[in-house]
Amino acid sequence: MSGTERAGGAGGDVNVLFVCVQNAGRSQMAEALFRRAARGRHEARSAGSAPAAHVHPEVVDVMRELGIDLSGRVPRRLEQADAEWADVVVTMGCGDACPYVPGKRYVDWELDDPHGKDAETVRALRDEIGRRARALAAEL
């Protein structure tokens, strides 16, 4: 999916929204890893079209290995205001439930849901999200 390109130049703040269905796995990892990669240059949020009650334990465990604690995070519902706030919206399996706002840049990351997967699988997914988050932060 493509939209109008909006990316800040060197040093320009860009708001990035990471969206998945439950906001309990992929989008939580992406927000945290993007924040780390952006080092304060850009802002990030995450949300879900049908949020879970808590971040998946397997996600909390593999993120803790990187020194990132997601245990206190609470999945939140995606609101129209989130999409309006964002310059870039990164979707991860939320399909038509993700709102479309003209003039925003949309990027779709096709990634498996980590829920219920073994640690090795979740770790590989985390590492792939980390690569993509670092690339996006560097590009912006």
C-alpha atoms as a PDB file:
ATOM      1  CA  MET A   1       0.000   0.000   0.000  1.00  0.00           C
ATOM      2  CA  SER A   2       1.406   3.391  -0.785  1.00  0.00           C
ATOM      3  CA  GLY A   3       0.536   6.928   0.089  1.00  0.00           C
ATOM      4  CA  THR A   4       2.135  10.283  -0.203  1.00  0.00           C
ATOM      5  CA  GLU A   5       5.718  10.073   0.995  1.00  0.00           C
ATOM      6  CA  ARG A   6       6.235  12.018   4.188  1.00  0.00           C
ATOM      7  CA  ALA A   7       9.506  11.618   5.901  1.00  0.00           C
ATOM      8  CA  GLY A   8      11.471  14.112   7.892  1.00  0.00           C
ATOM      9  CA  GLY A   9      14.868  15.111   6.645  1.00  0.00           C
ATOM     10  CA  ALA A  10      18.005  14.751   8.705  1.00  0.00           C
ATOM     11  CA  GLY A  11      17.047  15.470  12.270  1.00  0.00           C
ATOM     12  CA  GLY A  12      13.367  15.914  11.384  1.00  0.00           C
ATOM     13  CA  ASP A  13      10.861  14.397  13.765  1.00  0.00           C
ATOM     14  CA  VAL A  14       8.644  11.792  12.160  1.00  0.00           C
ATOM     15  CA  ASN A  15       5.727  10.128  13.945  1.00  0.00           C
ATOM     16  CA  VAL A  16       5.525   6.393  13.246  1.00  0.00           C
ATOM     17  CA  LEU A  17       2.536   4.248  14.150  1.00  0.00           C
ATOM     18  CA  PHE A  18       2.916   0.452  14.305  1.00  0.00           C
ATOM     19  CA  VAL A  19      -0.356  -1.445  13.984  1.00  0.00           C
ATOM     20  CA  CYS A  20      -1.253  -5.125  14.317  1.00  0.00           C
ATOM     21  CA  VAL A  21      -4.416  -6.897  15.411  1.00  0.00           C
ATOM     22  CA  GLN A  22      -3.875  -7.404  19.149  1.00  0.00           C
ATOM     23  CA  ASN A  23      -1.095  -4.875  19.878  1.00  0.00           C
ATOM     24  CA  ALA A  24       0.376  -7.654  21.984  1.00  0.00           C
ATOM     25  CA  GLY A  25       3.282  -8.856  19.861  1.00  0.00           C
ATOM     26  CA  ARG A  26       4.544  -7.512  16.540  1.00  0.00           C
ATOM     27  CA  SER A  27       3.553  -3.870  16.975  1.00  0.00           C
ATOM     28  CA  GLN A  28       4.819  -3.761  20.578  1.00  0.00           C
ATOM     29  CA  MET A  29       8.201  -5.147  19.501  1.00  0.00           C
ATOM     30  CA  ALA A  30       8.329  -2.777  16.532  1.00  0.00           C
ATOM     31  CA  GLU A  31       7.558   0.294  18.628  1.00  0.00           C
ATOM     32  CA  ALA A  32      10.236  -0.568  21.196  1.00  0.00           C
ATOM     33  CA  LEU A  33      12.884  -1.505  18.629  1.00  0.00           C
ATOM     34  CA  PHE A  34      12.142   1.556  16.488  1.00  0.00           C
ATOM     35  CA  ARG A  35      12.418   3.839  19.534  1.00  0.00           C
ATOM     36  CA  ARG A  36      15.798   2.302  20.329  1.00  0.00           C
ATOM     37  CA  ALA A  37      17.001   2.692  16.729  1.00  0.00           C
ATOM     38  CA  ALA A  38      15.678   6.265  16.375  1.00  0.00           C
ATOM     39  CA  ARG A  39      17.474   7.430  19.539  1.00  0.00           C
ATOM     40  CA  GLY A  40      14.980  10.214  20.179  1.00  0.00           C
ATOM     41  CA  ARG A  41      14.981  11.553  16.619  1.00  0.00           C
ATOM     42  CA  HIS A  42      11.459  10.256  15.916  1.00  0.00           C
ATOM     43  CA  GLU A  43       8.339   9.356  17.880  1.00  0.00           C
ATOM     44  CA  ALA A  44       6.556   6.002  17.869  1.00  0.00           C
ATOM     45  CA  ARG A  45       3.259   4.543  19.036  1.00  0.00           C
ATOM     46  CA  SER A  46       1.624   1.172  18.622  1.00  0.00           C
ATOM     47  CA  ALA A  47      -1.988   0.068  18.642  1.00  0.00           C
ATOM     48  CA  GLY A  48      -4.227  -2.804  17.635  1.00  0.00           C
ATOM     49  CA  SER A  49      -7.525  -3.199  15.822  1.00  0.00           C
ATOM     50  CA  ALA A  50      -8.681  -5.746  18.469  1.00  0.00           C
ATOM     51  CA  PRO A  51      -6.317  -5.341  21.456  1.00  0.00           C
ATOM     52  CA  ALA A  52      -5.489  -8.235  23.745  1.00  0.00           C
ATOM     53  CA  ALA A  53      -5.549  -8.003  27.536  1.00  0.00           C
ATOM     54  CA  HIS A  54      -1.744  -8.073  27.828  1.00  0.00           C
ATOM     55  CA  VAL A  55       1.454  -8.365  25.813  1.00  0.00           C
ATOM     56  CA  HIS A  56       2.115 -12.005  24.912  1.00  0.00           C
ATOM     57  CA  PRO A  57       4.452 -13.610  27.501  1.00  0.00           C
ATOM     58  CA  GLU A  58       6.691 -15.083  24.786  1.00  0.00           C
ATOM     59  CA  VAL A  59       7.189 -11.554  23.408  1.00  0.00           C
ATOM     60  CA  VAL A  60       7.994 -10.157  26.868  1.00  0.00           C
ATOM     61  CA  ASP A  61      10.577 -12.935  27.334  1.00  0.00           C
ATOM     62  CA  VAL A  62      12.481 -12.410  24.053  1.00  0.00           C
ATOM     63  CA  MET A  63      12.445  -8.626  24.378  1.00  0.00           C
ATOM     64  CA  ARG A  64      13.841  -8.916  27.901  1.00  0.00           C
ATOM     65  CA  GLU A  65      16.857 -10.662  26.317  1.00  0.00           C
ATOM     66  CA  LEU A  66      17.620  -7.302  24.647  1.00  0.00           C
ATOM     67  CA  GLY A  67      17.143  -5.343  27.864  1.00  0.00           C
ATOM     68  CA  ILE A  68      13.681  -4.095  26.839  1.00  0.00           C
ATOM     69  CA  ASP A  69      10.908  -4.622  29.389  1.00  0.00           C
ATOM     70  CA  LEU A  70       7.439  -4.851  27.857  1.00  0.00           C
ATOM     71  CA  SER A  71       5.859  -6.523  30.902  1.00  0.00           C
ATOM     72  CA  GLY A  72       4.128  -3.311  32.001  1.00  0.00           C
ATOM     73  CA  ARG A  73       2.806  -2.386  28.564  1.00  0.00           C
ATOM     74  CA  VAL A  74      -0.943  -2.541  28.002  1.00  0.00           C
ATOM     75  CA  PRO A  75      -2.226  -3.160  24.470  1.00  0.00           C
ATOM     76  CA  ARG A  76      -4.334  -0.264  23.240  1.00  0.00           C
ATOM     77  CA  ARG A  77      -7.076   0.132  20.673  1.00  0.00           C
ATOM     78  CA  LEU A  78      -6.274   1.804  17.389  1.00  0.00           C
ATOM     79  CA  GLU A  79      -8.064   5.137  17.110  1.00  0.00           C
ATOM     80  CA  GLN A  80      -8.508   7.439  14.135  1.00  0.00           C
ATOM     81  CA  ALA A  81      -6.491  10.046  16.071  1.00  0.00           C
ATOM     82  CA  ASP A  82      -3.478   7.696  16.040  1.00  0.00           C
ATOM     83  CA  ALA A  83      -3.547   7.508  12.252  1.00  0.00           C
ATOM     84  CA  GLU A  84      -3.959  11.282  12.024  1.00  0.00           C
ATOM     85  CA  TRP A  85      -0.965  11.783  14.388  1.00  0.00           C
ATOM     86  CA  ALA A  86       1.286   9.525  12.324  1.00  0.00           C
ATOM     87  CA  ASP A  87       3.408  10.492   9.344  1.00  0.00           C
ATOM     88  CA  VAL A  88       4.165   6.829   8.651  1.00  0.00           C
ATOM     89  CA  VAL A  89       1.807   3.925   9.427  1.00  0.00           C
ATOM     90  CA  VAL A  90       3.387   0.471   9.514  1.00  0.00           C
ATOM     91  CA  THR A  91       0.773  -2.277   9.342  1.00  0.00           C
ATOM     92  CA  MET A  92       1.372  -5.877  10.340  1.00  0.00           C
ATOM     93  CA  GLY A  93      -1.578  -8.091   9.528  1.00  0.00           C
ATOM     94  CA  CYS A  94      -4.477  -5.826  10.492  1.00  0.00           C
ATOM     95  CA  GLY A  95      -5.894  -5.698   6.969  1.00  0.00           C
ATOM     96  CA  ASP A  96      -8.961  -3.559   6.390  1.00  0.00           C
ATOM     97  CA  ALA A  97      -9.253  -2.730  10.106  1.00  0.00           C
ATOM     98  CA  CYS A  98      -6.433  -0.199   9.729  1.00  0.00           C
ATOM     99  CA  PRO A  99      -7.795   3.288   9.042  1.00  0.00           C
ATOM    100  CA  TYR A 100      -6.647   5.055   5.905  1.00  0.00           C
ATOM    101  CA  VAL A 101      -5.812   8.731   6.137  1.00  0.00           C
ATOM    102  CA  PRO A 102      -4.879  10.458   2.859  1.00  0.00           C
ATOM    103  CA  GLY A 103      -1.441  12.046   2.813  1.00  0.00           C
ATOM    104  CA  LYS A 104       0.180   9.477   5.095  1.00  0.00           C
ATOM    105  CA  ARG A 105       2.819   6.994   4.088  1.00  0.00           C
ATOM    106  CA  TYR A 106       1.717   3.383   4.574  1.00  0.00           C
ATOM    107  CA  VAL A 107       4.115   0.451   4.804  1.00  0.00           C
ATOM    108  CA  ASP A 108       2.961  -3.152   5.202  1.00  0.00           C
ATOM    109  CA  TRP A 109       5.268  -5.575   6.979  1.00  0.00           C
ATOM    110  CA  GLU A 110       4.082  -9.113   6.355  1.00  0.00           C
ATOM    111  CA  LEU A 111       5.081 -10.852   9.573  1.00  0.00           C
ATOM    112  CA  ASP A 112       3.726 -13.892  11.388  1.00  0.00           C
ATOM    113  CA  ASP A 113       1.893 -13.442  14.678  1.00  0.00           C
ATOM    114  CA  PRO A 114       4.220 -14.546  17.511  1.00  0.00           C
ATOM    115  CA  HIS A 115       1.381 -15.635  19.818  1.00  0.00           C
ATOM    116  CA  GLY A 116       1.842 -19.202  20.995  1.00  0.00           C
ATOM    117  CA  LYS A 117       5.092 -19.721  19.095  1.00  0.00           C
ATOM    118  CA  ASP A 118       8.252 -21.188  20.607  1.00  0.00           C
ATOM    119  CA  ALA A 119      11.048 -18.913  21.801  1.00  0.00           C
ATOM    120  CA  GLU A 120      13.276 -19.603  18.775  1.00  0.00           C
ATOM    121  CA  THR A 121      10.509 -18.567  16.359  1.00  0.00           C
ATOM    122  CA  VAL A 122       9.635 -15.445  18.363  1.00  0.00           C
ATOM    123  CA  ARG A 123      13.328 -14.539  18.614  1.00  0.00           C
ATOM    124  CA  ALA A 124      13.705 -14.795  14.814  1.00  0.00           C
ATOM    125  CA  LEU A 125      10.624 -12.609  14.353  1.00  0.00           C
ATOM    126  CA  ARG A 126      11.990 -10.083  16.871  1.00  0.00           C
ATOM    127  CA  ASP A 127      15.288  -9.944  14.993  1.00  0.00           C
ATOM    128  CA  GLU A 128      13.509  -9.404  11.656  1.00  0.00           C
ATOM    129  CA  ILE A 129      11.395  -6.621  13.154  1.00  0.00           C
ATOM    130  CA  GLY A 130      14.589  -5.120  14.576  1.00  0.00           C
ATOM    131  CA  ARG A 131      16.226  -5.105  11.129  1.00  0.00           C
ATOM    132  CA  ARG A 132      13.196  -3.425   9.594  1.00  0.00           C
ATOM    133  CA  ALA A 133      12.907  -0.900  12.445  1.00  0.00           C
ATOM    134  CA  ARG A 134      16.582   0.068  12.121  1.00  0.00           C
ATOM    135  CA  ALA A 135      16.233   0.440   8.349  1.00  0.00           C
ATOM    136  CA  LEU A 136      13.135   2.616   8.742  1.00  0.00           C
ATOM    137  CA  ALA A 137      14.778   4.801  11.384  1.00  0.00           C
ATOM    138  CA  ALA A 138      17.857   5.248   9.188  1.00  0.00           C
ATOM    139  CA  GLU A 139      15.713   6.100   6.151  1.00  0.00           C
ATOM    140  CA  LEU A 140      13.738   8.759   7.990  1.00  0.00           C
END
